[in-house]
């Protein structure tokens, strides 16, 4: 006995379907259900006798005697020794893998196309919004933005990478161990300014320096935590991480999490 029945939407485009009376249309679906119900492992589409059909559908035999000829006339039922639903096995059988793959690819392509169109629309909207925001700025605000420079930005412009790296090495009293470390120093200067970085390096150099890797990790952690020359001791990276975790846990307790 089968439990699931396939119905195809293309029946709505079949003129034969609309030639049927309302009783015959309902009968067509009920006969599909009956054929599915009495399946015994084979997709035959064969129907039982009209008395059994009347029993399964709870409709009088007389009604089916009117409906069956109408379904036969349009080819939905084949009127042979045993009434059979036309193309039942073809419609109810498992979809072949190659067709299933084609359907999947087609659906995936349609989904990707819709996603791309949505992204394009979103990008256009963002571009329009950005243009509107720029137009909405007054000339005074624009001029103020152009003329305002922070001390750190001025410091960046006067920054000499080669000379400062040398000063940094002298301050921490250790040498480079790989070629990426000078770039790390330059990144620190961009974030905190050369004066602050050099002060931290000098302070680190007076606290038993280990190697350049430890120096950069420690100084970076110090500066990210708001270090200043009044600090009593040099925190290690592991100590900084532990402090951040403790503060996070305290914040969760305060917030009731």
Protein backbone atom coordinates (compact mmCIF):
# COMPACT_ATOMS: atom_id res chain seq x y z
CA UNK A 1 0.00 0.00 0.00
CA UNK A 2 1.35 3.43 -0.93
CA UNK A 3 1.11 6.52 1.26
CA UNK A 4 2.27 9.35 -0.98
CA UNK A 5 0.84 10.42 -4.32
CA UNK A 6 2.44 12.73 -6.89
CA UNK A 7 0.29 15.41 -8.51
CA UNK A 8 1.65 17.48 -11.39
CA UNK A 9 0.75 21.11 -11.90
CA UNK A 10 0.88 20.76 -15.69
CA UNK A 11 -2.62 19.28 -15.53
CA UNK A 12 -3.85 22.86 -15.18
CA UNK A 13 -2.62 23.48 -18.73
CA UNK A 14 -4.32 20.39 -20.17
CA UNK A 15 -7.53 21.28 -22.10
CA UNK A 16 -8.92 17.78 -21.47
CA UNK A 17 -9.01 18.49 -17.76
CA UNK A 18 -11.29 21.50 -18.22
CA UNK A 19 -13.68 19.50 -20.42
CA UNK A 20 -14.55 17.38 -17.41
CA UNK A 21 -17.49 18.09 -15.14
CA UNK A 22 -16.78 19.00 -11.53
CA UNK A 23 -17.82 15.50 -10.46
CA UNK A 24 -15.37 13.95 -12.94
CA UNK A 25 -12.50 16.20 -11.81
CA UNK A 26 -13.05 15.13 -8.22
CA UNK A 27 -13.38 11.54 -9.38
CA UNK A 28 -10.02 11.71 -11.15
CA UNK A 29 -8.21 12.61 -7.92
CA UNK A 30 -10.10 10.02 -5.93
CA UNK A 31 -9.23 7.29 -8.43
CA UNK A 32 -5.55 8.26 -8.17
CA UNK A 33 -5.79 7.84 -4.41
CA UNK A 34 -7.54 4.48 -4.76
CA UNK A 35 -4.89 3.21 -7.19
CA UNK A 36 -2.18 4.32 -4.75
CA UNK A 37 -3.93 2.71 -1.81
CA UNK A 38 -4.21 -0.74 -3.39
CA UNK A 39 -0.64 -0.84 -4.73
CA UNK A 40 1.16 -4.04 -3.86
CA UNK A 41 4.74 -3.12 -4.61
CA UNK A 42 4.08 -2.39 -8.30
CA UNK A 43 3.07 0.85 -10.00
CA UNK A 44 0.34 -0.60 -12.20
CA UNK A 45 -2.31 2.09 -11.90
CA UNK A 46 -4.96 -0.62 -11.99
CA UNK A 47 -8.29 0.05 -10.29
CA UNK A 48 -10.58 -2.37 -8.47
CA UNK A 49 -14.15 -3.06 -9.45
CA UNK A 50 -16.61 -0.20 -9.34
CA UNK A 51 -18.19 -1.54 -6.12
CA UNK A 52 -14.81 -1.38 -4.34
CA UNK A 53 -14.21 2.12 -5.72
CA UNK A 54 -17.56 3.19 -4.30
CA UNK A 55 -16.61 1.69 -0.92
CA UNK A 56 -13.17 3.41 -0.76
CA UNK A 57 -14.59 6.80 -1.77
CA UNK A 58 -17.84 6.49 0.21
CA UNK A 59 -19.83 7.43 -2.90
CA UNK A 60 -22.72 5.53 -4.49
CA UNK A 61 -22.03 3.15 -7.37
CA UNK A 62 -24.46 5.15 -9.50
CA UNK A 63 -22.26 8.25 -9.30
CA UNK A 64 -19.23 6.30 -10.48
CA UNK A 65 -21.22 4.79 -13.31
CA UNK A 66 -21.68 8.35 -14.59
CA UNK A 67 -18.12 9.54 -13.90
CA UNK A 68 -16.13 6.60 -15.29
CA UNK A 69 -17.27 6.97 -18.93
CA UNK A 70 -16.43 10.67 -18.85
CA UNK A 71 -12.87 9.95 -17.64
CA UNK A 72 -12.51 7.24 -20.27
CA UNK A 73 -13.63 9.60 -23.02
CA UNK A 74 -10.74 12.04 -22.40
CA UNK A 75 -8.16 9.28 -21.95
CA UNK A 76 -7.55 9.63 -18.18
CA UNK A 77 -8.86 6.07 -17.68
CA UNK A 78 -8.10 3.25 -20.09
CA UNK A 79 -11.25 1.14 -20.41
CA UNK A 80 -9.87 -2.38 -20.67
CA UNK A 81 -10.74 -5.57 -18.83
CA UNK A 82 -9.29 -3.94 -15.74
CA UNK A 83 -9.71 -0.13 -15.66
CA UNK A 84 -6.28 1.52 -15.47
CA UNK A 85 -5.13 5.10 -14.95
CA UNK A 86 -3.20 6.25 -18.03
CA UNK A 87 0.56 6.86 -17.55
CA UNK A 88 0.24 6.11 -13.83
CA UNK A 89 3.56 4.26 -13.56
CA UNK A 90 5.39 6.99 -15.48
CA UNK A 91 3.98 9.69 -13.25
CA UNK A 92 4.44 7.94 -9.91
CA UNK A 93 7.81 6.28 -10.46
CA UNK A 94 11.06 7.63 -8.95
CA UNK A 95 12.64 10.47 -10.91
CA UNK A 96 15.87 9.26 -12.63
CA UNK A 97 19.11 10.59 -11.16
CA UNK A 98 20.12 12.48 -14.32
CA UNK A 99 16.80 14.32 -14.43
CA UNK A 100 16.93 14.96 -10.69
CA UNK A 101 20.43 16.44 -11.06
CA UNK A 102 19.28 18.71 -13.90
CA UNK A 103 16.32 19.90 -11.82
CA UNK A 104 18.60 20.57 -8.85
CA UNK A 105 21.10 22.53 -10.96
CA UNK A 106 18.30 24.53 -12.56
CA UNK A 107 16.82 25.39 -9.17
CA UNK A 108 20.27 26.25 -7.77
CA UNK A 109 21.01 28.55 -10.72
CA UNK A 110 17.67 30.28 -10.29
CA UNK A 111 18.39 30.75 -6.57
CA UNK A 112 21.86 32.17 -7.28
CA UNK A 113 20.48 34.51 -9.91
CA UNK A 114 17.85 35.78 -7.47
CA UNK A 115 20.52 36.26 -4.80
CA UNK A 116 22.76 38.17 -7.22
CA UNK A 117 19.90 40.42 -8.28
CA UNK A 118 19.10 41.09 -4.63
CA UNK A 119 22.72 41.98 -3.90
CA UNK A 120 22.88 44.28 -6.93
CA UNK A 121 19.73 46.07 -5.77
CA UNK A 122 21.16 46.40 -2.25
CA UNK A 123 24.44 47.80 -3.60
CA UNK A 124 22.61 50.37 -5.73
CA UNK A 125 20.55 51.39 -2.70
CA UNK A 126 23.70 51.80 -0.59
CA UNK A 127 25.39 53.84 -3.32
CA UNK A 128 22.37 56.12 -3.55
CA UNK A 129 22.29 56.52 0.24
CA UNK A 130 26.00 57.36 0.35
CA UNK A 131 25.59 59.98 -2.36
CA UNK A 132 22.69 61.50 -0.46
CA UNK A 133 24.72 61.64 2.74
CA UNK A 134 27.61 63.35 0.99
CA UNK A 135 25.34 65.92 -0.62
CA UNK A 136 23.70 66.58 2.75
CA UNK A 137 26.95 67.66 4.36
CA UNK A 138 27.36 71.39 4.60
CA UNK A 139 30.40 73.16 3.16
CA UNK A 140 31.40 74.20 6.65
CA UNK A 141 31.46 70.63 7.92
CA UNK A 142 33.42 69.48 4.88
CA UNK A 143 35.98 72.24 5.32
CA UNK A 144 36.29 71.40 9.01
CA UNK A 145 36.99 67.76 8.22
CA UNK A 146 39.63 68.71 5.69
CA UNK A 147 41.42 71.15 7.99
CA UNK A 148 41.22 69.13 11.20
CA UNK A 149 44.16 66.85 11.88
CA UNK A 150 44.85 65.10 15.14
CA UNK A 151 48.29 65.07 16.72
CA UNK A 152 48.58 61.40 15.85
CA UNK A 153 47.91 62.04 12.13
CA UNK A 154 50.53 64.78 12.07
CA UNK A 155 52.90 62.43 13.78
CA UNK A 156 52.29 59.77 11.13
CA UNK A 157 53.19 62.21 8.36
CA UNK A 158 56.52 63.04 9.99
CA UNK A 159 57.22 59.38 10.81
CA UNK A 160 60.48 57.98 9.38
CA UNK A 161 60.15 54.17 9.47
CA UNK A 162 63.84 53.35 9.08
CA UNK A 163 65.09 55.72 11.78
CA UNK A 164 62.34 54.87 14.26
CA UNK A 165 62.85 51.11 13.91
CA UNK A 166 66.48 51.64 14.87
CA UNK A 167 65.48 53.68 17.90
CA UNK A 168 62.97 51.00 18.89
CA UNK A 169 65.61 48.24 18.75
CA UNK A 170 67.98 50.29 20.89
CA UNK A 171 65.22 50.94 23.40
CA UNK A 172 64.10 47.33 23.91
CA UNK A 173 67.73 46.06 23.85
CA UNK A 174 66.97 42.94 21.75
CA UNK A 175 67.36 42.19 18.05
CA UNK A 176 64.89 41.05 15.39
CA UNK A 177 64.25 37.33 15.00
CA UNK A 178 62.23 37.49 11.73
CA UNK A 179 61.53 39.90 8.87
CA UNK A 180 57.92 40.61 9.87
CA UNK A 181 58.76 42.32 13.14
CA UNK A 182 59.71 45.75 11.68
CA UNK A 183 56.28 45.88 10.05
CA UNK A 184 54.68 45.13 13.43
CA UNK A 185 56.52 48.12 14.88
CA UNK A 186 55.23 50.35 12.11
CA UNK A 187 51.68 49.13 12.80
CA UNK A 188 52.06 50.03 16.47
CA UNK A 189 53.14 53.54 15.49
CA UNK A 190 50.09 53.91 13.26
CA UNK A 191 47.80 52.93 16.14
CA UNK A 192 49.45 54.71 19.10
CA UNK A 193 51.99 57.21 17.79
CA UNK A 194 55.78 56.98 17.82
CA UNK A 195 56.29 58.82 21.12
CA UNK A 196 54.05 56.44 23.08
CA UNK A 197 55.50 53.36 21.39
CA UNK A 198 59.07 54.50 22.06
CA UNK A 199 58.26 55.21 25.72
CA UNK A 200 56.80 51.72 26.11
CA UNK A 201 59.82 50.18 24.39
CA UNK A 202 62.22 52.06 26.65
CA UNK A 203 60.29 50.99 29.73
CA UNK A 204 60.23 47.39 28.52
CA UNK A 205 64.00 47.47 27.93
CA UNK A 206 64.61 48.15 31.62
CA UNK A 207 62.60 45.07 32.73
CA UNK A 208 64.78 42.10 31.78
CA UNK A 209 64.03 41.90 28.03
CA UNK A 210 63.79 38.39 26.54
CA UNK A 211 63.54 38.57 22.76
CA UNK A 212 61.91 40.72 20.07
CA UNK A 213 58.85 38.48 19.77
CA UNK A 214 58.10 38.77 23.48
CA UNK A 215 58.82 42.48 23.37
CA UNK A 216 56.34 43.18 20.57
CA UNK A 217 53.63 41.01 22.16
CA UNK A 218 54.06 42.64 25.56
CA UNK A 219 54.23 46.21 24.27
CA UNK A 220 51.20 45.66 22.04
CA UNK A 221 49.25 44.29 25.01
CA UNK A 222 50.40 47.14 27.23
CA UNK A 223 49.28 49.81 24.79
CA UNK A 224 45.94 48.14 24.07
CA UNK A 225 45.22 48.19 27.82
CA UNK A 226 46.01 51.89 28.22
CA UNK A 227 49.57 51.57 29.50
CA UNK A 228 51.43 54.58 30.87
CA UNK A 229 54.84 55.13 32.54
CA UNK A 230 53.22 55.03 35.99
CA UNK A 231 52.50 51.29 35.72
CA UNK A 232 54.34 49.38 38.44
CA UNK A 233 55.18 46.30 36.40
CA UNK A 234 55.22 44.99 32.82
CA UNK A 235 52.26 42.64 32.14
CA UNK A 236 52.93 39.61 29.94
CA UNK A 237 50.57 38.71 27.06
CA UNK A 238 49.11 35.81 29.09
CA UNK A 239 48.48 38.14 32.03
CA UNK A 240 46.75 40.65 29.76
CA UNK A 241 44.50 37.94 28.30
CA UNK A 242 43.66 36.66 31.77
CA UNK A 243 42.78 40.19 32.89
CA UNK A 244 40.48 40.66 29.88
CA UNK A 245 38.70 37.35 30.62
CA UNK A 246 38.18 38.31 34.28
CA UNK A 247 36.74 41.69 33.30
CA UNK A 248 34.43 40.03 30.79
CA UNK A 249 33.14 37.60 33.40
CA UNK A 250 32.54 40.45 35.84
CA UNK A 251 30.58 42.33 33.18
CA UNK A 252 28.38 39.29 32.57
CA UNK A 253 27.63 38.99 36.29
CA UNK A 254 26.74 42.67 36.49
CA UNK A 255 24.48 42.39 33.46
CA UNK A 256 22.72 39.40 35.00
CA UNK A 257 23.86 36.82 32.40
